[in-house]
Protein backbone atom coordinates (compact mmCIF):
# COMPACT_ATOMS: atom_id res chain seq x y z
CA MET A 1 -14.47 2.07 31.22
CA ARG A 2 -13.25 -1.12 32.85
CA LEU A 3 -13.74 -4.47 31.07
CA SER A 4 -15.20 -7.49 32.69
CA LYS A 5 -13.34 -10.72 32.75
CA LYS A 6 -15.83 -12.08 30.14
CA ASP A 7 -15.18 -9.15 27.83
CA LYS A 8 -11.35 -9.56 28.31
CA ASP A 9 -11.75 -13.39 27.45
CA ILE A 10 -13.75 -12.58 24.36
CA ILE A 11 -11.10 -10.01 23.19
CA LYS A 12 -8.34 -12.55 23.78
CA GLU A 13 -10.17 -15.20 21.87
CA PHE A 14 -10.86 -12.89 19.07
CA VAL A 15 -7.11 -11.68 18.81
CA LYS A 16 -5.92 -15.39 18.93
CA ASP A 17 -8.43 -16.41 16.15
CA ARG A 18 -7.57 -13.40 14.08
CA ASP A 19 -3.80 -13.76 14.41
CA GLU A 20 -4.10 -17.43 13.49
CA ALA A 21 -6.19 -16.72 10.41
CA VAL A 22 -4.05 -13.75 9.21
CA LEU A 23 -0.77 -15.65 9.66
CA SER A 24 -1.90 -18.59 7.93
CA PHE A 25 -2.23 -16.64 4.65
CA ASP A 26 -5.14 -19.02 3.89
CA VAL A 27 -8.09 -17.29 2.38
CA ASN A 28 -10.47 -20.03 3.50
CA MET A 29 -9.16 -20.04 7.11
CA PHE A 30 -9.61 -16.20 7.15
CA LYS A 31 -13.14 -16.58 5.81
CA ALA A 32 -13.96 -19.14 8.61
CA PHE A 33 -12.60 -16.58 11.09
CA TYR A 34 -14.60 -13.79 9.66
CA PHE A 35 -17.94 -15.76 9.60
CA LYS A 36 -17.48 -17.08 13.12
CA TRP A 37 -17.00 -13.53 14.46
CA LYS A 38 -19.68 -12.08 12.22
CA ALA A 39 -22.21 -14.48 13.72
CA ARG A 40 -21.09 -13.18 17.13
CA GLY A 41 -21.78 -9.60 16.00
CA PHE A 42 -18.23 -8.42 15.47
CA TYR A 43 -18.51 -7.50 11.82
CA GLU A 44 -21.18 -5.51 10.05
CA ILE A 45 -19.54 -5.35 6.61
CA ASP A 46 -19.32 -8.01 3.97
CA LEU A 47 -16.14 -9.71 2.85
CA PRO A 48 -14.82 -8.64 -0.68
CA LYS A 49 -16.01 -11.15 -3.19
CA ASP A 50 -12.56 -11.20 -4.78
CA ASP A 51 -10.30 -13.58 -2.85
CA HIS A 52 -7.28 -11.65 -4.13
CA ILE A 53 -8.56 -8.66 -2.13
CA ILE A 54 -8.60 -10.95 0.98
CA GLU A 55 -5.06 -12.10 0.28
CA ILE A 56 -3.79 -8.50 0.06
CA THR A 57 -5.73 -7.54 3.29
CA MET A 58 -4.20 -10.53 5.33
CA ARG A 59 -0.63 -9.67 4.35
CA LYS A 60 -1.23 -5.93 5.14
CA MET A 61 -2.70 -6.90 8.41
CA VAL A 62 0.67 -8.44 9.48
CA PHE A 63 2.14 -5.00 9.51
CA GLY A 64 -0.63 -3.74 11.96
CA MET A 65 -0.12 -6.56 14.43
CA ARG A 66 1.81 -6.36 17.71
CA ASN A 67 4.95 -8.36 17.54
CA PRO A 68 4.16 -10.67 14.52
CA PRO A 69 6.61 -13.44 13.82
CA LYS A 70 9.54 -12.04 11.75
CA ASP A 71 9.35 -14.76 9.23
CA LYS A 72 5.72 -13.98 8.51
CA VAL A 73 6.53 -10.21 8.21
CA LYS A 74 9.16 -11.11 5.58
CA GLU A 75 6.77 -13.47 3.71
CA ALA A 76 4.01 -10.88 3.79
CA GLY A 77 6.26 -8.15 2.61
CA LYS A 78 7.84 -10.25 -0.16
CA TRP A 79 4.36 -11.28 -1.49
CA LEU A 80 2.92 -7.65 -1.39
CA ILE A 81 6.13 -6.31 -3.28
CA GLU A 82 5.95 -9.26 -5.83
CA HIS A 83 2.33 -8.37 -6.57
CA GLY A 84 3.00 -4.67 -6.91
CA TYR A 85 1.72 -3.42 -3.55
CA ASP A 86 3.46 -1.35 -0.91
CA LEU A 87 3.93 -2.39 2.73
CA ASP A 88 1.80 0.41 4.22
CA PRO A 89 -1.25 -1.27 5.87
CA PHE A 90 -3.39 1.62 4.63
CA GLY A 91 -1.86 2.14 1.25
CA GLY A 92 -2.39 0.41 -2.06
CA ARG A 93 -0.06 0.30 -4.93
CA PRO A 94 2.91 2.68 -4.92
């Protein structure tokens, strides 16, 4: 299936917004990103009610990104380890 220019532009905007929100490590910025895109029909699940879960999720998402800034990878990894989590984007506590 070939994507239209409009679809490609939407995906580009989504990735840009997502990366900015995730790399900010700011829960409120991530929530704003989520609600913006949920309103556009991109999310059907609710955010976790516990902000700590969102903090963990943002940092694990860094490891699933293409070419994230090295300083952000280091920062995310350090935070996860300090809080007792592994670096696997799909794992929990070791």
